[in-house]
Each structure stands twice: as structure tokens, then as C-alpha cells.
Amino acid sequence: MYFQRQQRFGQRHMDGNQEIIQEVLDYLLWLQEPHESFSGMPVCPFVKGDFLTDNIKFSVYSKRHDKSLIEHIKEYEESGKRTGLIVQLDPIKKPMTRKVYQKYINNQMKENDLGHLKSLVFDPTEDFKVAGVDTRKMAPCVLLNITSREELGKAAKTLNETKWYDGFLLEDFKRLKPKTYKKKIKELNG
């Protein structure tokens, strides 16, 4: 069933982008594999569940296409799915950073009455490690993960109740600032 959903996604988006779609699917599979740096949990513990329940709205975005990024996000919102994954074929134009681009998208959503949503941007060109793992280098292109702020809060709470953060380094806690790990930051500071 899981692989059938993967095939359906691939068939829906094969408009000349077959290779990139397969690379996105490979990346999503990698994110689901248990990893020792995350206490034997997957890098992203939520991808598999959303895949299995058909709760991911996939779309492909490029500035060369007629549809704007906000239109893609609105389609995700209308889909009723828990997660939106927008495969962005265009790189983030330098000198803009991933962090600035993510903030820009989140501001655009607020301006379009979508402030209850949040975007997380995955840029494979960014030097981004968590628990010593390059979690984004394997992404074949920029990926925009869109979900509700409420779902992100639930996910954070779920992770806080596991050992997922146990392999994090001090700089990971400083950069990501998980709310309930202030105590862990104090411990790591000595």
C-alpha cells in the first residue's frame, strides 16, 4: 500500500521531472529509516505515518510555471491533508538564505490569511546538521514542508516524550531551541 502511494505520486508528477520525483521519494524513504543519532528513531518520525494514511499533498512548483507558490499552498489547505510537500525546482537565489526564504514564505502565508500554517524549508545546499547528521544534503532540490502550527506543536510534544533529542549536540539545541529542552541545554553547558 505504501509503495502504491509512492507510485501514484510519481505517476501524477511525471511531466518531464521523473528523475527528480524519484529522488524525492528516495529522500522520503531515507528520512523514515531508523538512525542511531536519533536514538534508533527515524530522522523524521512523521513521514511514514503521513504516507501510510495518504496525508501528504504533493505538488511541484517552479517560477517558470503559471501557478504561484501561494496557489500551491492554498491547494494544500483545501486538500484537507495533514502535510503539504512542495517540490521546488528552482534553487533559493543567493544571497538569500534558507532561513530568510522560510521567513518570507511564512510572512506571505500570513498576508494571505494562511497564518495558521507554517513552512519548513529544506535546502540541500545549506550546511545543516542535526545530531551530526546532514539531514538535508540528500534532498534533490528545495523542499517546502507545509503544515499547521497546531500539528507542529503536537509533533514537538510527541518528540519531547521520546529519546529523539538524546543525540543532539549543544549547537543543535541552540539553533533549534526546542522549548522543553532548556534543562538539557543547561546540562550540556556544564
N, C-alpha and C. Protein backbone atom coordinates (compact mmCIF):
# COMPACT_ATOMS: atom_id res chain seq x y z
N MET A 1 0.82 -1.20 0.00
CA MET A 1 0.00 0.00 0.00
C MET A 1 0.87 1.26 0.00
N TYR A 2 1.90 1.28 0.84
CA TYR A 2 2.80 2.42 0.92
C TYR A 2 3.47 2.67 -0.42
N PHE A 3 3.98 1.60 -1.05
CA PHE A 3 4.67 1.77 -2.31
C PHE A 3 3.69 2.11 -3.44
N GLN A 4 2.44 1.69 -3.34
CA GLN A 4 1.43 2.08 -4.32
C GLN A 4 1.21 3.59 -4.27
N ARG A 5 1.20 4.16 -3.07
CA ARG A 5 1.05 5.61 -2.95
C ARG A 5 2.25 6.32 -3.58
N GLN A 6 3.43 5.75 -3.35
CA GLN A 6 4.61 6.33 -3.97
C GLN A 6 4.48 6.31 -5.48
N GLN A 7 4.04 5.19 -6.03
CA GLN A 7 3.90 5.08 -7.48
C GLN A 7 2.85 6.06 -7.99
N ARG A 8 1.73 6.22 -7.28
CA ARG A 8 0.70 7.17 -7.71
C ARG A 8 1.25 8.59 -7.72
N PHE A 9 2.02 8.94 -6.67
CA PHE A 9 2.62 10.26 -6.65
C PHE A 9 3.52 10.43 -7.86
N GLY A 10 4.36 9.44 -8.12
CA GLY A 10 5.26 9.51 -9.25
C GLY A 10 4.52 9.62 -10.57
N GLN A 11 3.44 8.87 -10.75
CA GLN A 11 2.69 8.91 -11.99
C GLN A 11 1.99 10.26 -12.18
N ARG A 12 1.54 10.88 -11.11
CA ARG A 12 0.85 12.17 -11.22
C ARG A 12 1.80 13.29 -11.59
N HIS A 13 3.07 13.13 -11.31
CA HIS A 13 4.01 14.24 -11.48
C HIS A 13 5.15 13.93 -12.45
N MET A 14 4.90 13.11 -13.43
CA MET A 14 5.97 12.71 -14.34
C MET A 14 6.10 13.65 -15.55
N ASP A 15 5.66 14.87 -15.46
CA ASP A 15 5.70 15.80 -16.58
C ASP A 15 7.14 16.27 -16.86
N GLY A 16 8.00 15.33 -17.23
CA GLY A 16 9.38 15.67 -17.54
C GLY A 16 10.28 15.72 -16.32
N ASN A 17 9.76 15.45 -15.15
CA ASN A 17 10.54 15.55 -13.92
C ASN A 17 10.69 14.19 -13.24
N GLN A 18 10.67 13.13 -14.03
CA GLN A 18 10.67 11.77 -13.48
C GLN A 18 11.86 11.54 -12.54
N GLU A 19 13.02 11.97 -12.95
CA GLU A 19 14.22 11.73 -12.14
C GLU A 19 14.14 12.45 -10.79
N ILE A 20 13.72 13.70 -10.80
CA ILE A 20 13.65 14.47 -9.55
C ILE A 20 12.60 13.88 -8.62
N ILE A 21 11.49 13.42 -9.19
CA ILE A 21 10.43 12.82 -8.37
C ILE A 21 10.95 11.56 -7.69
N GLN A 22 11.68 10.74 -8.43
CA GLN A 22 12.23 9.52 -7.83
C GLN A 22 13.22 9.86 -6.73
N GLU A 23 14.01 10.91 -6.94
CA GLU A 23 14.97 11.33 -5.92
C GLU A 23 14.25 11.85 -4.66
N VAL A 24 13.13 12.54 -4.84
CA VAL A 24 12.35 13.00 -3.68
C VAL A 24 11.81 11.80 -2.92
N LEU A 25 11.29 10.82 -3.63
CA LEU A 25 10.78 9.61 -2.98
C LEU A 25 11.89 8.87 -2.24
N ASP A 26 13.07 8.78 -2.86
CA ASP A 26 14.21 8.15 -2.18
C ASP A 26 14.57 8.91 -0.90
N TYR A 27 14.53 10.23 -0.96
CA TYR A 27 14.83 11.04 0.22
C TYR A 27 13.80 10.79 1.32
N LEU A 28 12.53 10.74 0.95
CA LEU A 28 11.49 10.48 1.94
C LEU A 28 11.65 9.11 2.59
N LEU A 29 12.08 8.13 1.81
CA LEU A 29 12.35 6.80 2.37
C LEU A 29 13.52 6.87 3.36
N TRP A 30 14.58 7.59 2.99
CA TRP A 30 15.74 7.73 3.87
C TRP A 30 15.34 8.39 5.19
N LEU A 31 14.46 9.40 5.13
CA LEU A 31 14.03 10.09 6.35
C LEU A 31 13.30 9.16 7.31
N GLN A 32 12.76 8.05 6.79
CA GLN A 32 11.99 7.12 7.62
C GLN A 32 12.84 6.02 8.25
N GLU A 33 14.07 5.89 7.81
CA GLU A 33 14.93 4.83 8.33
C GLU A 33 15.38 5.14 9.76
N PRO A 34 15.35 4.16 10.64
CA PRO A 34 15.89 4.38 12.00
C PRO A 34 17.37 4.78 11.91
N HIS A 35 17.75 5.70 12.76
CA HIS A 35 19.13 6.20 12.74
C HIS A 35 19.67 6.26 14.16
N GLU A 36 20.87 5.78 14.37
CA GLU A 36 21.45 5.73 15.72
C GLU A 36 21.60 7.12 16.34
N SER A 37 21.80 8.16 15.53
CA SER A 37 21.94 9.52 16.07
C SER A 37 20.65 10.06 16.65
N PHE A 38 19.53 9.40 16.34
CA PHE A 38 18.23 9.82 16.85
C PHE A 38 17.64 8.70 17.73
N SER A 39 18.52 8.07 18.48
CA SER A 39 18.14 7.00 19.42
C SER A 39 17.38 5.87 18.74
N GLY A 40 17.79 5.56 17.52
CA GLY A 40 17.16 4.47 16.78
C GLY A 40 15.83 4.84 16.14
N MET A 41 15.44 6.09 16.28
CA MET A 41 14.21 6.57 15.64
C MET A 41 14.57 7.13 14.25
N PRO A 42 13.58 7.28 13.37
CA PRO A 42 13.86 7.87 12.07
C PRO A 42 14.27 9.33 12.20
N VAL A 43 14.98 9.82 11.18
CA VAL A 43 15.34 11.24 11.13
C VAL A 43 14.06 12.07 11.24
N CYS A 44 13.04 11.68 10.49
CA CYS A 44 11.72 12.32 10.60
C CYS A 44 10.70 11.24 10.94
N PRO A 45 10.30 11.16 12.19
CA PRO A 45 9.40 10.09 12.62
C PRO A 45 7.96 10.21 12.09
N PHE A 46 7.64 11.29 11.38
CA PHE A 46 6.25 11.53 10.99
C PHE A 46 5.96 11.25 9.52
N VAL A 47 6.98 11.13 8.69
CA VAL A 47 6.77 10.94 7.25
C VAL A 47 6.01 9.64 6.97
N LYS A 48 6.44 8.57 7.57
CA LYS A 48 5.83 7.27 7.26
C LYS A 48 4.34 7.25 7.58
N GLY A 49 3.97 7.78 8.73
CA GLY A 49 2.55 7.80 9.10
C GLY A 49 1.71 8.60 8.12
N ASP A 50 2.24 9.75 7.70
CA ASP A 50 1.50 10.56 6.73
C ASP A 50 1.41 9.86 5.38
N PHE A 51 2.47 9.16 5.00
CA PHE A 51 2.44 8.40 3.74
C PHE A 51 1.40 7.28 3.82
N LEU A 52 1.45 6.53 4.90
CA LEU A 52 0.55 5.38 5.04
C LEU A 52 -0.92 5.78 5.10
N THR A 53 -1.20 6.95 5.64
CA THR A 53 -2.58 7.41 5.74
C THR A 53 -2.97 8.35 4.60
N ASP A 54 -2.11 8.46 3.62
CA ASP A 54 -2.35 9.32 2.45
C ASP A 54 -2.63 10.76 2.90
N ASN A 55 -1.80 11.26 3.82
CA ASN A 55 -1.99 12.59 4.37
C ASN A 55 -0.94 13.59 3.91
N ILE A 56 -0.36 13.36 2.72
CA ILE A 56 0.59 14.31 2.15
C ILE A 56 0.04 14.80 0.82
N LYS A 57 -0.06 16.11 0.68
CA LYS A 57 -0.44 16.73 -0.59
C LYS A 57 0.86 17.13 -1.28
N PHE A 58 1.17 16.45 -2.38
CA PHE A 58 2.38 16.73 -3.14
C PHE A 58 2.08 17.72 -4.26
N SER A 59 3.02 18.59 -4.52
CA SER A 59 2.93 19.44 -5.71
C SER A 59 4.34 19.85 -6.13
N VAL A 60 4.44 20.26 -7.39
CA VAL A 60 5.72 20.67 -7.96
C VAL A 60 5.59 22.14 -8.34
N TYR A 61 6.53 22.94 -7.87
CA TYR A 61 6.50 24.39 -8.09
C TYR A 61 7.78 24.85 -8.77
N SER A 62 7.59 25.77 -9.71
CA SER A 62 8.71 26.46 -10.33
C SER A 62 8.21 27.83 -10.75
N LYS A 63 9.07 28.81 -10.69
CA LYS A 63 8.70 30.16 -11.14
C LYS A 63 8.38 30.18 -12.63
N ARG A 64 8.80 29.15 -13.35
CA ARG A 64 8.51 29.04 -14.79
C ARG A 64 7.07 28.59 -15.03
N HIS A 65 6.42 28.05 -14.03
CA HIS A 65 5.03 27.59 -14.16
C HIS A 65 4.08 28.75 -13.94
N ASP A 66 2.84 28.57 -14.33
CA ASP A 66 1.83 29.62 -14.19
C ASP A 66 1.31 29.77 -12.76
N LYS A 67 1.37 28.72 -12.00
CA LYS A 67 0.79 28.72 -10.65
C LYS A 67 1.80 29.30 -9.65
N SER A 68 1.32 30.23 -8.82
CA SER A 68 2.20 30.84 -7.82
C SER A 68 2.39 29.89 -6.63
N LEU A 69 3.37 30.20 -5.82
CA LEU A 69 3.62 29.41 -4.62
C LEU A 69 2.42 29.47 -3.68
N ILE A 70 1.83 30.65 -3.53
CA ILE A 70 0.65 30.78 -2.65
C ILE A 70 -0.50 29.94 -3.19
N GLU A 71 -0.66 29.83 -4.49
CA GLU A 71 -1.71 28.98 -5.06
C GLU A 71 -1.47 27.51 -4.69
N HIS A 72 -0.21 27.09 -4.73
CA HIS A 72 0.12 25.72 -4.30
C HIS A 72 -0.24 25.52 -2.83
N ILE A 73 0.08 26.51 -2.00
CA ILE A 73 -0.20 26.40 -0.57
C ILE A 73 -1.71 26.37 -0.32
N LYS A 74 -2.46 27.18 -1.06
CA LYS A 74 -3.92 27.18 -0.92
C LYS A 74 -4.50 25.83 -1.35
N GLU A 75 -3.95 25.23 -2.40
CA GLU A 75 -4.41 23.89 -2.81
C GLU A 75 -4.16 22.87 -1.71
N TYR A 76 -2.99 22.98 -1.07
CA TYR A 76 -2.72 22.10 0.07
C TYR A 76 -3.80 22.32 1.14
N GLU A 77 -4.04 23.56 1.50
CA GLU A 77 -5.03 23.90 2.53
C GLU A 77 -6.39 23.30 2.20
N GLU A 78 -6.79 23.39 0.95
CA GLU A 78 -8.09 22.88 0.52
C GLU A 78 -8.13 21.35 0.48
N SER A 79 -6.97 20.71 0.40
CA SER A 79 -6.91 19.25 0.29
C SER A 79 -7.34 18.55 1.58
N GLY A 80 -7.20 19.23 2.72
CA GLY A 80 -7.53 18.63 4.00
C GLY A 80 -6.47 17.66 4.50
N LYS A 81 -5.35 17.57 3.81
CA LYS A 81 -4.27 16.66 4.23
C LYS A 81 -3.47 17.31 5.35
N ARG A 82 -2.81 16.49 6.15
CA ARG A 82 -2.05 16.98 7.29
C ARG A 82 -0.76 17.71 6.86
N THR A 83 -0.16 17.25 5.77
CA THR A 83 1.13 17.79 5.34
C THR A 83 1.08 18.16 3.86
N GLY A 84 1.73 19.26 3.54
CA GLY A 84 1.95 19.62 2.14
C GLY A 84 3.43 19.53 1.86
N LEU A 85 3.80 18.91 0.76
CA LEU A 85 5.21 18.86 0.36
C LEU A 85 5.30 19.43 -1.05
N ILE A 86 5.91 20.60 -1.12
CA ILE A 86 6.07 21.27 -2.40
C ILE A 86 7.51 21.06 -2.85
N VAL A 87 7.63 20.40 -4.00
CA VAL A 87 8.94 20.17 -4.62
C VAL A 87 9.25 21.41 -5.44
N GLN A 88 10.19 22.21 -4.97
CA GLN A 88 10.53 23.46 -5.65
C GLN A 88 11.71 23.20 -6.58
N LEU A 89 11.48 23.35 -7.87
CA LEU A 89 12.52 23.05 -8.84
C LEU A 89 13.58 24.15 -8.93
N ASP A 90 13.24 25.36 -8.51
CA ASP A 90 14.19 26.47 -8.56
C ASP A 90 14.99 26.53 -7.26
N PRO A 91 16.30 26.76 -7.37
CA PRO A 91 17.08 26.91 -6.13
C PRO A 91 16.74 28.23 -5.45
N ILE A 92 17.10 28.34 -4.19
CA ILE A 92 16.95 29.60 -3.47
C ILE A 92 18.03 30.53 -4.00
N LYS A 93 17.62 31.69 -4.48
CA LYS A 93 18.58 32.62 -5.08
C LYS A 93 19.45 33.24 -4.01
N LYS A 94 20.74 33.06 -4.17
CA LYS A 94 21.70 33.64 -3.25
C LYS A 94 21.77 35.13 -3.53
N PRO A 95 21.97 35.98 -2.58
CA PRO A 95 22.48 35.72 -1.25
C PRO A 95 21.40 35.35 -0.23
N MET A 96 20.14 35.17 -0.68
CA MET A 96 19.09 34.79 0.28
C MET A 96 19.44 33.44 0.88
N THR A 97 19.24 33.33 2.16
CA THR A 97 19.49 32.07 2.86
C THR A 97 18.18 31.29 3.01
N ARG A 98 18.31 30.04 3.38
CA ARG A 98 17.13 29.21 3.63
C ARG A 98 16.28 29.82 4.74
N LYS A 99 16.93 30.30 5.77
CA LYS A 99 16.21 30.87 6.92
C LYS A 99 15.41 32.11 6.50
N VAL A 100 16.00 32.97 5.70
CA VAL A 100 15.31 34.18 5.23
C VAL A 100 14.17 33.79 4.29
N TYR A 101 14.40 32.82 3.42
CA TYR A 101 13.37 32.36 2.48
C TYR A 101 12.19 31.74 3.25
N GLN A 102 12.49 30.96 4.26
CA GLN A 102 11.45 30.35 5.09
C GLN A 102 10.61 31.43 5.76
N LYS A 103 11.27 32.45 6.29
CA LYS A 103 10.56 33.57 6.93
C LYS A 103 9.70 34.30 5.90
N TYR A 104 10.22 34.49 4.70
CA TYR A 104 9.47 35.15 3.62
C TYR A 104 8.20 34.37 3.30
N ILE A 105 8.31 33.05 3.16
CA ILE A 105 7.14 32.22 2.84
C ILE A 105 6.11 32.30 3.98
N ASN A 106 6.58 32.21 5.21
CA ASN A 106 5.66 32.30 6.35
C ASN A 106 4.96 33.66 6.40
N ASN A 107 5.67 34.73 6.07
CA ASN A 107 5.06 36.06 6.01
C ASN A 107 4.04 36.14 4.88
N GLN A 108 4.36 35.55 3.73
CA GLN A 108 3.43 35.53 2.60
C GLN A 108 2.14 34.79 2.99
N MET A 109 2.29 33.70 3.72
CA MET A 109 1.10 32.97 4.16
C MET A 109 0.26 33.82 5.09
N LYS A 110 0.89 34.55 6.02
CA LYS A 110 0.15 35.43 6.93
C LYS A 110 -0.62 36.49 6.14
N GLU A 111 0.05 37.08 5.15
CA GLU A 111 -0.59 38.12 4.33
C GLU A 111 -1.76 37.58 3.52
N ASN A 112 -1.81 36.28 3.30
CA ASN A 112 -2.87 35.65 2.52
C ASN A 112 -3.83 34.85 3.40
N ASP A 113 -3.96 35.27 4.64
CA ASP A 113 -4.87 34.63 5.60
C ASP A 113 -4.58 33.15 5.81
N LEU A 114 -3.31 32.80 5.73
CA LEU A 114 -2.88 31.42 5.98
C LEU A 114 -1.89 31.37 7.13
N GLY A 115 -2.01 32.31 8.05
CA GLY A 115 -1.08 32.41 9.17
C GLY A 115 -1.14 31.24 10.13
N HIS A 116 -2.17 30.43 10.03
CA HIS A 116 -2.27 29.23 10.89
C HIS A 116 -1.37 28.11 10.37
N LEU A 117 -0.77 28.34 9.18
CA LEU A 117 0.15 27.36 8.60
C LEU A 117 1.58 27.81 8.81
N LYS A 118 2.48 26.86 8.71
CA LYS A 118 3.91 27.18 8.81
C LYS A 118 4.66 26.37 7.77
N SER A 119 5.68 26.99 7.22
CA SER A 119 6.54 26.33 6.24
C SER A 119 7.90 26.03 6.86
N LEU A 120 8.39 24.84 6.59
CA LEU A 120 9.77 24.48 6.91
C LEU A 120 10.45 24.23 5.58
N VAL A 121 11.54 24.93 5.32
CA VAL A 121 12.24 24.84 4.05
C VAL A 121 13.47 23.96 4.21
N PHE A 122 13.61 23.00 3.30
CA PHE A 122 14.76 22.11 3.27
C PHE A 122 15.57 22.42 2.03
N ASP A 123 16.76 22.97 2.22
CA ASP A 123 17.64 23.35 1.11
C ASP A 123 18.88 22.46 1.14
N PRO A 124 19.06 21.63 0.11
CA PRO A 124 20.19 20.70 0.13
C PRO A 124 21.55 21.39 0.02
N THR A 125 21.58 22.67 -0.34
CA THR A 125 22.87 23.37 -0.44
C THR A 125 23.30 23.96 0.90
N GLU A 126 22.40 23.96 1.88
CA GLU A 126 22.71 24.52 3.19
C GLU A 126 23.51 23.51 4.02
N ASP A 127 24.50 24.00 4.72
CA ASP A 127 25.25 23.15 5.64
C ASP A 127 24.42 23.05 6.92
N PHE A 128 23.61 22.00 7.02
CA PHE A 128 22.66 21.86 8.12
C PHE A 128 22.78 20.46 8.69
N LYS A 129 23.34 20.38 9.88
CA LYS A 129 23.48 19.09 10.55
C LYS A 129 22.69 19.12 11.85
N VAL A 130 22.10 17.99 12.17
CA VAL A 130 21.43 17.78 13.45
C VAL A 130 21.93 16.46 13.99
N ALA A 131 22.37 16.48 15.21
CA ALA A 131 22.95 15.28 15.85
C ALA A 131 24.09 14.72 14.99
N GLY A 132 24.81 15.61 14.31
CA GLY A 132 25.94 15.21 13.48
C GLY A 132 25.56 14.64 12.12
N VAL A 133 24.28 14.69 11.75
CA VAL A 133 23.80 14.09 10.50
C VAL A 133 23.39 15.20 9.53
N ASP A 134 23.89 15.13 8.29
CA ASP A 134 23.45 16.04 7.24
C ASP A 134 22.05 15.62 6.80
N THR A 135 21.03 16.19 7.44
CA THR A 135 19.66 15.74 7.20
C THR A 135 19.07 16.28 5.91
N ARG A 136 19.71 17.24 5.29
CA ARG A 136 19.12 17.87 4.09
C ARG A 136 19.92 17.65 2.82
N LYS A 137 21.16 17.22 2.94
CA LYS A 137 22.03 17.05 1.77
C LYS A 137 21.46 16.07 0.74
N MET A 138 20.70 15.08 1.20
CA MET A 138 20.18 14.07 0.28
C MET A 138 18.93 14.54 -0.46
N ALA A 139 18.34 15.64 -0.05
CA ALA A 139 17.18 16.18 -0.77
C ALA A 139 17.66 16.58 -2.17
N PRO A 140 16.93 16.22 -3.21
CA PRO A 140 17.39 16.51 -4.57
C PRO A 140 17.20 17.97 -4.99
N CYS A 141 16.38 18.70 -4.24
CA CYS A 141 16.09 20.09 -4.56
C CYS A 141 15.50 20.72 -3.31
N VAL A 142 15.11 21.98 -3.42
CA VAL A 142 14.47 22.65 -2.30
C VAL A 142 13.09 22.01 -2.09
N LEU A 143 12.80 21.68 -0.85
CA LEU A 143 11.50 21.10 -0.49
C LEU A 143 10.85 22.00 0.54
N LEU A 144 9.57 22.27 0.35
CA LEU A 144 8.81 23.09 1.28
C LEU A 144 7.79 22.21 1.97
N ASN A 145 7.95 22.05 3.25
CA ASN A 145 7.02 21.26 4.06
C ASN A 145 6.05 22.25 4.69
N ILE A 146 4.76 22.10 4.37
CA ILE A 146 3.74 22.99 4.89
C ILE A 146 2.81 22.18 5.79
N THR A 147 2.54 22.71 6.97
CA THR A 147 1.59 22.07 7.88
C THR A 147 1.04 23.14 8.82
N SER A 148 0.08 22.77 9.61
CA SER A 148 -0.49 23.74 10.54
C SER A 148 0.44 23.91 11.74
N ARG A 149 0.38 25.07 12.31
CA ARG A 149 1.17 25.34 13.51
C ARG A 149 0.73 24.40 14.64
N GLU A 150 -0.55 24.07 14.65
CA GLU A 150 -1.07 23.14 15.65
C GLU A 150 -0.42 21.76 15.49
N GLU A 151 -0.33 21.26 14.26
CA GLU A 151 0.30 19.95 14.02
C GLU A 151 1.78 19.97 14.41
N LEU A 152 2.47 21.09 14.12
CA LEU A 152 3.88 21.19 14.52
C LEU A 152 4.02 21.15 16.03
N GLY A 153 3.09 21.81 16.73
CA GLY A 153 3.11 21.77 18.20
C GLY A 153 2.91 20.36 18.73
N LYS A 154 1.97 19.63 18.13
CA LYS A 154 1.73 18.24 18.53
C LYS A 154 2.97 17.39 18.27
N ALA A 155 3.60 17.60 17.11
CA ALA A 155 4.79 16.82 16.76
C ALA A 155 5.91 17.09 17.75
N ALA A 156 6.11 18.36 18.10
CA ALA A 156 7.16 18.72 19.07
C ALA A 156 6.90 18.07 20.41
N LYS A 157 5.65 18.09 20.83
CA LYS A 157 5.31 17.47 22.12
C LYS A 157 5.58 15.97 22.08
N THR A 158 5.21 15.33 20.98
CA THR A 158 5.45 13.90 20.82
C THR A 158 6.94 13.59 20.90
N LEU A 159 7.77 14.38 20.19
CA LEU A 159 9.22 14.15 20.20
C LEU A 159 9.80 14.37 21.59
N ASN A 160 9.28 15.34 22.31
CA ASN A 160 9.78 15.62 23.66
C ASN A 160 9.56 14.45 24.61
N GLU A 161 8.61 13.61 24.30
CA GLU A 161 8.31 12.46 25.14
C GLU A 161 9.09 11.21 24.72
N THR A 162 10.02 11.38 23.78
CA THR A 162 10.83 10.25 23.30
C THR A 162 12.31 10.55 23.58
N LYS A 163 13.16 9.69 23.08
CA LYS A 163 14.61 9.89 23.20
C LYS A 163 15.20 10.49 21.92
N TRP A 164 14.36 11.00 21.03
CA TRP A 164 14.80 11.51 19.73
C TRP A 164 15.88 12.58 19.88
N TYR A 165 15.78 13.45 20.86
CA TYR A 165 16.74 14.54 21.05
C TYR A 165 18.03 14.11 21.76
N ASP A 166 18.11 12.89 22.27
CA ASP A 166 19.24 12.49 23.11
C ASP A 166 20.60 12.60 22.42
N GLY A 167 20.65 12.49 21.10
CA GLY A 167 21.92 12.58 20.39
C GLY A 167 22.27 13.98 19.93
N PHE A 168 21.44 14.95 20.28
CA PHE A 168 21.68 16.32 19.85
C PHE A 168 22.92 16.90 20.52
N LEU A 169 23.60 17.74 19.82
CA LEU A 169 24.74 18.47 20.33
C LEU A 169 24.28 19.82 20.86
N LEU A 170 25.10 20.47 21.65
CA LEU A 170 24.74 21.76 22.23
C LEU A 170 24.33 22.75 21.14
N GLU A 171 25.09 22.80 20.03
CA GLU A 171 24.76 23.75 18.96
C GLU A 171 23.41 23.44 18.31
N ASP A 172 23.01 22.16 18.31
CA ASP A 172 21.68 21.80 17.78
C ASP A 172 20.59 22.42 18.64
N PHE A 173 20.74 22.32 19.97
CA PHE A 173 19.75 22.89 20.87
C PHE A 173 19.71 24.40 20.75
N LYS A 174 20.86 25.03 20.61
CA LYS A 174 20.91 26.49 20.48
C LYS A 174 20.24 26.94 19.19
N ARG A 175 20.45 26.22 18.11
CA ARG A 175 19.91 26.60 16.81
C ARG A 175 18.40 26.31 16.72
N LEU A 176 17.98 25.14 17.17
CA LEU A 176 16.59 24.74 17.01
C LEU A 176 15.69 25.17 18.18
N LYS A 177 16.28 25.35 19.34
CA LYS A 177 15.59 25.83 20.54
C LYS A 177 14.31 25.07 20.87
N PRO A 178 14.37 23.75 20.99
CA PRO A 178 13.15 23.06 21.41
C PRO A 178 12.78 23.53 22.81
N LYS A 179 11.55 23.93 22.99
CA LYS A 179 11.10 24.61 24.23
C LYS A 179 11.35 23.82 25.50
N THR A 180 11.11 22.54 25.50
CA THR A 180 11.21 21.79 26.74
C THR A 180 12.63 21.28 27.01
N TYR A 181 13.58 21.70 26.22
CA TYR A 181 14.93 21.21 26.41
C TYR A 181 15.89 22.26 26.98
N LYS A 182 15.34 23.28 27.62
CA LYS A 182 16.19 24.27 28.28
C LYS A 182 17.05 23.60 29.35
N LYS A 183 16.48 22.64 30.05
CA LYS A 183 17.22 21.90 31.07
C LYS A 183 18.39 21.15 30.42
N LYS A 184 18.15 20.54 29.28
CA LYS A 184 19.20 19.79 28.59
C LYS A 184 20.34 20.75 28.17
N ILE A 185 19.99 21.94 27.72
CA ILE A 185 21.00 22.94 27.33
C ILE A 185 21.85 23.29 28.54
N LYS A 186 21.23 23.47 29.69
CA LYS A 186 21.98 23.77 30.92
C LYS A 186 22.93 22.63 31.26
N GLU A 187 22.44 21.39 31.14
CA GLU A 187 23.28 20.22 31.42
C GLU A 187 24.48 20.18 30.48
N LEU A 188 24.26 20.43 29.20
CA LEU A 188 25.34 20.37 28.22
C LEU A 188 26.34 21.51 28.39
N ASN A 189 25.87 22.65 28.91
CA ASN A 189 26.76 23.79 29.17
C ASN A 189 27.66 23.54 30.39
N GLY A 190 27.28 22.58 31.20
CA GLY A 190 28.10 22.22 32.38
C GLY A 190 27.71 23.00 33.53
